[in-house]
N, C-alpha and C. Protein backbone atom coordinates (compact mmCIF):
# COMPACT_ATOMS: atom_id res chain seq x y z
N MET A 1 -9.52 -40.53 54.60
CA MET A 1 -10.34 -39.21 54.83
C MET A 1 -9.65 -38.54 56.02
N ALA A 2 -9.26 -37.45 55.66
CA ALA A 2 -8.55 -36.72 56.75
C ALA A 2 -10.07 -36.31 57.93
N ARG A 3 -9.41 -36.07 59.12
CA ARG A 3 -10.28 -35.86 60.32
C ARG A 3 -10.40 -34.18 60.25
N ILE A 4 -11.69 -33.93 60.38
CA ILE A 4 -12.02 -32.25 60.27
C ILE A 4 -11.89 -32.10 61.68
N GLY A 5 -11.41 -31.14 62.26
CA GLY A 5 -11.59 -30.70 63.79
C GLY A 5 -10.52 -29.45 64.04
N GLY A 6 -10.46 -29.17 65.28
CA GLY A 6 -9.72 -28.00 65.63
C GLY A 6 -9.17 -28.12 66.90
N ASP A 7 -9.00 -29.19 67.60
CA ASP A 7 -8.39 -29.25 68.75
C ASP A 7 -6.95 -29.53 68.86
N SER A 8 -6.24 -29.24 67.63
CA SER A 8 -4.91 -29.57 67.51
C SER A 8 -4.06 -30.18 68.68
N GLY A 9 -4.54 -31.74 68.66
CA GLY A 9 -4.19 -32.58 69.41
C GLY A 9 -3.93 -32.17 70.89
N ARG A 10 -4.69 -31.43 71.46
CA ARG A 10 -4.42 -31.28 72.40
C ARG A 10 -4.83 -32.12 73.72
N PRO A 11 -4.54 -32.37 74.82
CA PRO A 11 -5.21 -33.42 75.80
C PRO A 11 -6.49 -33.04 76.12
N HIS A 12 -7.27 -34.25 76.21
CA HIS A 12 -8.57 -34.13 76.76
C HIS A 12 -8.62 -34.89 78.22
N ARG A 13 -9.77 -34.35 79.16
CA ARG A 13 -9.98 -35.17 79.76
C ARG A 13 -10.88 -36.32 79.77
N PRO A 14 -11.27 -37.33 80.61
CA PRO A 14 -11.73 -38.30 80.21
C PRO A 14 -13.15 -38.15 79.48
N ALA A 15 -14.13 -38.69 78.89
CA ALA A 15 -15.40 -38.29 78.47
C ALA A 15 -16.32 -39.20 79.25
N PHE A 16 -15.81 -40.10 80.02
CA PHE A 16 -16.65 -41.03 80.82
C PHE A 16 -16.00 -41.00 82.11
N VAL A 17 -16.86 -41.00 82.99
CA VAL A 17 -16.49 -40.76 84.52
C VAL A 17 -17.37 -41.82 85.22
N ARG A 18 -16.87 -43.08 86.11
CA ARG A 18 -17.81 -43.87 86.66
C ARG A 18 -17.97 -43.19 88.03
N VAL A 19 -18.80 -43.36 88.59
CA VAL A 19 -19.32 -43.19 89.98
C VAL A 19 -19.88 -43.76 91.12
N GLY A 20 -19.70 -44.82 90.50
CA GLY A 20 -20.48 -46.01 91.53
C GLY A 20 -22.16 -45.97 91.38
N HIS A 21 -22.62 -45.95 92.52
CA HIS A 21 -24.18 -45.72 92.65
C HIS A 21 -24.37 -44.63 93.54
N ARG A 22 -24.78 -43.74 93.19
CA ARG A 22 -25.38 -42.46 93.81
C ARG A 22 -26.85 -42.18 93.72
N VAL A 23 -27.60 -41.85 94.55
CA VAL A 23 -28.69 -41.65 94.65
C VAL A 23 -28.85 -40.21 94.43
N VAL A 24 -29.91 -40.06 93.05
CA VAL A 24 -30.12 -38.66 92.65
C VAL A 24 -31.64 -38.24 92.36
N LEU A 25 -32.14 -37.13 92.39
CA LEU A 25 -33.33 -37.00 92.22
C LEU A 25 -33.45 -36.13 90.78
N ILE A 26 -34.60 -36.75 90.14
CA ILE A 26 -34.50 -36.44 88.64
C ILE A 26 -35.83 -35.60 88.58
N ASP A 27 -35.43 -34.33 87.87
CA ASP A 27 -36.77 -33.59 87.59
C ASP A 27 -37.67 -34.17 86.31
N LEU A 28 -38.37 -34.90 86.41
CA LEU A 28 -39.10 -35.37 85.05
C LEU A 28 -40.02 -34.41 84.26
N ASN A 29 -40.24 -33.67 85.04
CA ASN A 29 -41.31 -32.54 84.67
C ASN A 29 -40.32 -31.52 83.56
N ALA A 30 -38.91 -31.48 84.15
CA ALA A 30 -38.17 -30.99 83.14
C ALA A 30 -37.37 -31.60 81.82
N LEU A 31 -37.43 -32.84 82.35
CA LEU A 31 -36.92 -33.82 81.25
C LEU A 31 -37.94 -34.16 80.04
N TYR A 32 -39.15 -34.16 80.46
CA TYR A 32 -40.18 -34.39 79.65
C TYR A 32 -41.17 -33.35 79.72
N PRO A 33 -40.89 -31.91 78.92
CA PRO A 33 -41.71 -30.88 79.33
C PRO A 33 -43.10 -31.10 78.51
N GLN A 34 -43.99 -30.28 78.87
CA GLN A 34 -45.19 -30.47 78.51
C GLN A 34 -45.62 -29.41 77.15
N THR A 35 -45.90 -29.98 75.92
CA THR A 35 -45.78 -29.14 75.00
C THR A 35 -46.48 -27.84 74.93
N PRO A 36 -46.01 -27.02 74.05
CA PRO A 36 -46.85 -25.66 74.17
C PRO A 36 -48.28 -25.83 73.74
N HIS A 37 -49.11 -25.00 74.44
CA HIS A 37 -50.63 -25.34 73.87
C HIS A 37 -51.17 -26.44 74.37
N HIS A 38 -50.69 -27.05 75.06
CA HIS A 38 -51.14 -28.67 75.45
C HIS A 38 -52.74 -28.65 75.19
N SER A 39 -53.29 -29.91 74.84
CA SER A 39 -54.57 -29.89 74.59
C SER A 39 -55.40 -30.93 75.26
N GLY A 40 -54.34 -32.05 75.81
CA GLY A 40 -54.36 -33.36 76.13
C GLY A 40 -55.55 -33.41 77.54
N THR A 41 -55.90 -34.36 77.87
CA THR A 41 -57.00 -34.62 78.79
C THR A 41 -55.99 -35.70 79.68
N TYR A 42 -56.63 -35.40 81.13
CA TYR A 42 -56.28 -36.42 82.00
C TYR A 42 -56.50 -37.41 82.04
N HIS A 43 -55.53 -38.68 82.39
CA HIS A 43 -55.87 -40.27 82.02
C HIS A 43 -55.22 -40.60 83.28
N PRO A 44 -55.75 -41.22 84.17
CA PRO A 44 -55.67 -41.80 85.43
C PRO A 44 -54.84 -42.95 85.34
N ASP A 45 -54.64 -43.75 84.42
CA ASP A 45 -53.68 -44.76 83.89
C ASP A 45 -52.29 -44.27 83.36
N GLY A 46 -52.58 -43.15 83.11
CA GLY A 46 -50.92 -42.76 82.15
C GLY A 46 -49.85 -42.63 82.81
N LEU A 47 -48.65 -42.43 82.11
CA LEU A 47 -47.32 -42.24 83.01
C LEU A 47 -47.46 -41.17 83.61
N GLN A 48 -46.75 -41.35 84.82
CA GLN A 48 -46.71 -40.04 85.89
C GLN A 48 -45.43 -39.45 85.49
N ILE A 49 -45.32 -38.39 84.89
CA ILE A 49 -44.30 -37.96 84.45
C ILE A 49 -44.26 -36.19 85.08
N ARG A 50 -44.89 -35.84 85.76
CA ARG A 50 -44.90 -34.03 86.36
C ARG A 50 -44.48 -34.52 87.49
N LYS A 51 -43.36 -34.69 87.99
CA LYS A 51 -42.89 -35.11 89.33
C LYS A 51 -41.32 -35.14 89.17
N VAL A 52 -40.99 -35.09 90.40
CA VAL A 52 -39.36 -35.32 90.94
C VAL A 52 -39.31 -36.85 91.37
N THR A 53 -38.25 -37.49 91.13
CA THR A 53 -38.46 -38.93 91.52
C THR A 53 -36.88 -39.51 91.79
N THR A 54 -36.52 -40.14 92.38
CA THR A 54 -35.15 -40.64 92.55
C THR A 54 -34.79 -41.56 91.53
N GLY A 55 -33.33 -41.63 91.77
CA GLY A 55 -32.88 -42.73 90.56
C GLY A 55 -31.80 -43.10 91.06
N VAL A 56 -30.84 -43.90 90.20
CA VAL A 56 -29.25 -44.29 90.81
C VAL A 56 -28.67 -43.94 89.73
N LEU A 57 -27.49 -43.01 89.68
CA LEU A 57 -26.54 -42.38 88.88
C LEU A 57 -25.38 -43.13 89.03
N THR A 58 -24.84 -43.88 87.80
CA THR A 58 -23.63 -44.71 87.63
C THR A 58 -22.63 -44.10 87.09
N GLU A 59 -22.90 -43.14 86.13
CA GLU A 59 -21.78 -42.90 85.39
C GLU A 59 -21.96 -41.50 84.73
N TRP A 60 -21.11 -40.38 84.32
CA TRP A 60 -21.32 -39.15 83.54
C TRP A 60 -20.68 -39.55 82.59
N GLY A 61 -20.97 -38.90 81.41
CA GLY A 61 -20.71 -38.76 79.78
C GLY A 61 -20.64 -37.25 79.70
N LEU A 62 -19.70 -36.98 78.74
CA LEU A 62 -19.43 -35.59 78.22
C LEU A 62 -19.58 -35.63 76.88
N SER A 63 -20.66 -34.90 76.33
CA SER A 63 -20.91 -34.48 75.05
C SER A 63 -19.90 -33.98 74.26
N GLU A 64 -19.73 -34.01 72.92
CA GLU A 64 -18.59 -33.63 72.23
C GLU A 64 -18.87 -32.03 72.19
N TRP A 65 -19.97 -31.50 73.09
CA TRP A 65 -19.87 -30.02 72.86
C TRP A 65 -19.57 -29.90 74.14
N GLY A 66 -19.25 -30.54 75.16
CA GLY A 66 -18.72 -30.26 76.48
C GLY A 66 -20.32 -30.21 77.58
N GLU A 67 -21.24 -30.45 77.28
CA GLU A 67 -22.42 -30.92 78.23
C GLU A 67 -22.28 -32.25 79.01
N TRP A 68 -22.54 -32.06 80.28
CA TRP A 68 -22.46 -33.25 80.90
C TRP A 68 -24.01 -33.75 80.90
N TYR A 69 -23.92 -35.25 81.00
CA TYR A 69 -24.95 -36.29 80.96
C TYR A 69 -25.03 -37.35 81.79
N GLY A 70 -25.85 -37.63 82.84
CA GLY A 70 -25.79 -38.94 83.85
C GLY A 70 -26.33 -40.02 83.48
N LYS A 71 -25.76 -41.14 83.53
CA LYS A 71 -26.40 -42.26 83.21
C LYS A 71 -27.27 -42.96 84.69
N VAL A 72 -28.37 -42.55 84.39
CA VAL A 72 -29.39 -42.72 85.35
C VAL A 72 -30.55 -43.85 85.21
N THR A 73 -30.79 -44.69 86.22
CA THR A 73 -31.85 -45.71 86.38
C THR A 73 -32.82 -45.38 87.15
N TYR A 74 -33.80 -45.21 86.80
CA TYR A 74 -35.15 -44.59 87.73
C TYR A 74 -36.45 -45.51 86.97
N THR A 75 -37.62 -45.29 88.21
CA THR A 75 -38.59 -46.01 87.84
C THR A 75 -39.57 -44.98 87.22
N LEU A 76 -40.12 -45.43 86.23
CA LEU A 76 -41.60 -44.54 85.55
C LEU A 76 -42.69 -45.62 85.96
N SER A 77 -43.72 -44.49 86.46
CA SER A 77 -44.96 -45.33 86.86
C SER A 77 -45.93 -44.97 86.38
N ALA A 78 -46.84 -45.92 86.29
CA ALA A 78 -48.48 -45.65 85.96
C ALA A 78 -49.47 -46.18 87.05
N ARG A 79 -50.75 -46.08 86.79
CA ARG A 79 -51.64 -46.78 87.75
C ARG A 79 -50.78 -47.94 88.52
N ASP A 80 -51.08 -49.21 87.58
CA ASP A 80 -50.92 -50.44 87.76
C ASP A 80 -49.76 -51.01 87.15
N ARG A 81 -48.70 -50.14 86.69
CA ARG A 81 -47.33 -50.84 85.69
C ARG A 81 -46.03 -49.49 86.34
N GLN A 82 -45.18 -50.61 86.69
CA GLN A 82 -43.77 -49.75 86.86
C GLN A 82 -42.95 -50.20 85.93
N GLU A 83 -41.92 -49.11 85.15
CA GLU A 83 -41.15 -49.74 84.49
C GLU A 83 -39.74 -49.13 84.94
N SER A 84 -38.59 -49.89 84.83
CA SER A 84 -37.23 -49.48 85.17
C SER A 84 -37.07 -48.83 83.77
N VAL A 85 -36.28 -47.72 83.69
CA VAL A 85 -35.64 -47.12 82.60
C VAL A 85 -34.07 -46.61 83.03
N THR A 86 -33.36 -46.82 81.82
CA THR A 86 -32.16 -46.36 81.78
C THR A 86 -31.58 -45.47 80.90
N HIS A 87 -30.95 -44.42 80.97
CA HIS A 87 -30.50 -43.48 79.95
C HIS A 87 -29.66 -42.50 80.38
N TRP A 88 -29.47 -41.73 79.35
CA TRP A 88 -28.79 -40.49 79.53
C TRP A 88 -29.48 -39.03 79.55
N VAL A 89 -29.04 -38.75 80.84
CA VAL A 89 -30.11 -37.57 81.45
C VAL A 89 -29.04 -36.22 81.43
N PRO A 90 -29.44 -35.08 81.00
CA PRO A 90 -28.86 -33.84 81.17
C PRO A 90 -28.62 -33.50 82.66
N ALA A 91 -27.35 -33.00 82.78
CA ALA A 91 -27.03 -32.76 84.40
C ALA A 91 -27.90 -31.56 84.96
N TRP A 92 -28.52 -30.78 84.19
CA TRP A 92 -29.56 -29.88 84.93
C TRP A 92 -30.88 -30.14 85.15
N ALA A 93 -31.04 -31.66 85.04
CA ALA A 93 -32.50 -32.50 85.47
C ALA A 93 -32.15 -33.18 86.83
N LEU A 94 -30.88 -33.10 87.21
CA LEU A 94 -30.49 -34.12 88.32
C LEU A 94 -30.10 -33.14 89.65
N ARG A 95 -30.45 -33.61 90.63
CA ARG A 95 -29.90 -33.19 91.96
C ARG A 95 -29.39 -34.20 92.97
N PRO A 96 -28.37 -33.68 93.57
CA PRO A 96 -27.96 -35.07 94.78
C PRO A 96 -29.36 -35.29 95.65
N ALA A 97 -29.79 -36.41 95.96
CA ALA A 97 -30.72 -36.80 97.00
C ALA A 97 -30.80 -36.46 98.32
N ASP A 98 -29.54 -36.05 98.85
CA ASP A 98 -29.34 -35.67 100.10
C ASP A 98 -29.10 -34.35 100.16
N GLY A 99 -29.18 -33.41 99.37
CA GLY A 99 -29.29 -32.13 99.00
C GLY A 99 -27.82 -31.38 99.42
N ALA A 100 -26.83 -32.38 99.27
CA ALA A 100 -25.76 -31.41 99.73
C ALA A 100 -24.97 -31.41 98.52
N GLY A 101 -24.28 -30.18 98.12
CA GLY A 101 -23.51 -30.08 97.01
C GLY A 101 -23.92 -30.26 95.57
N ARG A 102 -22.84 -30.20 94.84
CA ARG A 102 -23.22 -30.45 93.55
C ARG A 102 -23.26 -31.92 93.16
N VAL A 103 -24.20 -32.51 92.13
CA VAL A 103 -24.09 -33.76 91.41
C VAL A 103 -23.21 -33.83 90.24
N ARG A 104 -22.73 -32.88 89.68
CA ARG A 104 -22.07 -33.04 88.47
C ARG A 104 -20.50 -33.32 88.98
N PRO A 105 -19.76 -33.74 87.73
CA PRO A 105 -18.64 -33.84 88.01
C PRO A 105 -17.49 -32.68 88.00
N ASP A 106 -16.20 -32.87 88.71
CA ASP A 106 -15.57 -31.49 88.97
C ASP A 106 -15.41 -31.41 87.37
N ARG A 107 -15.56 -29.91 86.86
CA ARG A 107 -15.25 -29.45 85.83
C ARG A 107 -13.62 -29.47 85.19
N ARG A 108 -12.78 -29.42 86.34
CA ARG A 108 -11.11 -29.17 86.04
C ARG A 108 -10.55 -30.43 85.68
N ARG A 109 -11.57 -31.84 85.65
CA ARG A 109 -10.82 -33.00 85.25
C ARG A 109 -10.14 -32.96 84.17
């Protein structure tokens, strides 16, 4: 079956860019938004996701529509439990931990 697309064979930048290990801040409140008209009650043993936490960025991935996602490992905490999580996080939820510059890869690649 013929491929459907409109890129006309033009060259593309790499879709994945390894960056070593960079410390970043992850806005968990933005990443996991509260549902509209939230009616839950506070539970002291629940997941602590209404905060900004640190993580380690190891790679950037470009979606098929041009959005950047960072492969990040960070720790989700609850009262007596901590769990390491690795997944793709949208670039808009990430910031450099040192506060300097941009965290996203160069768009001109």
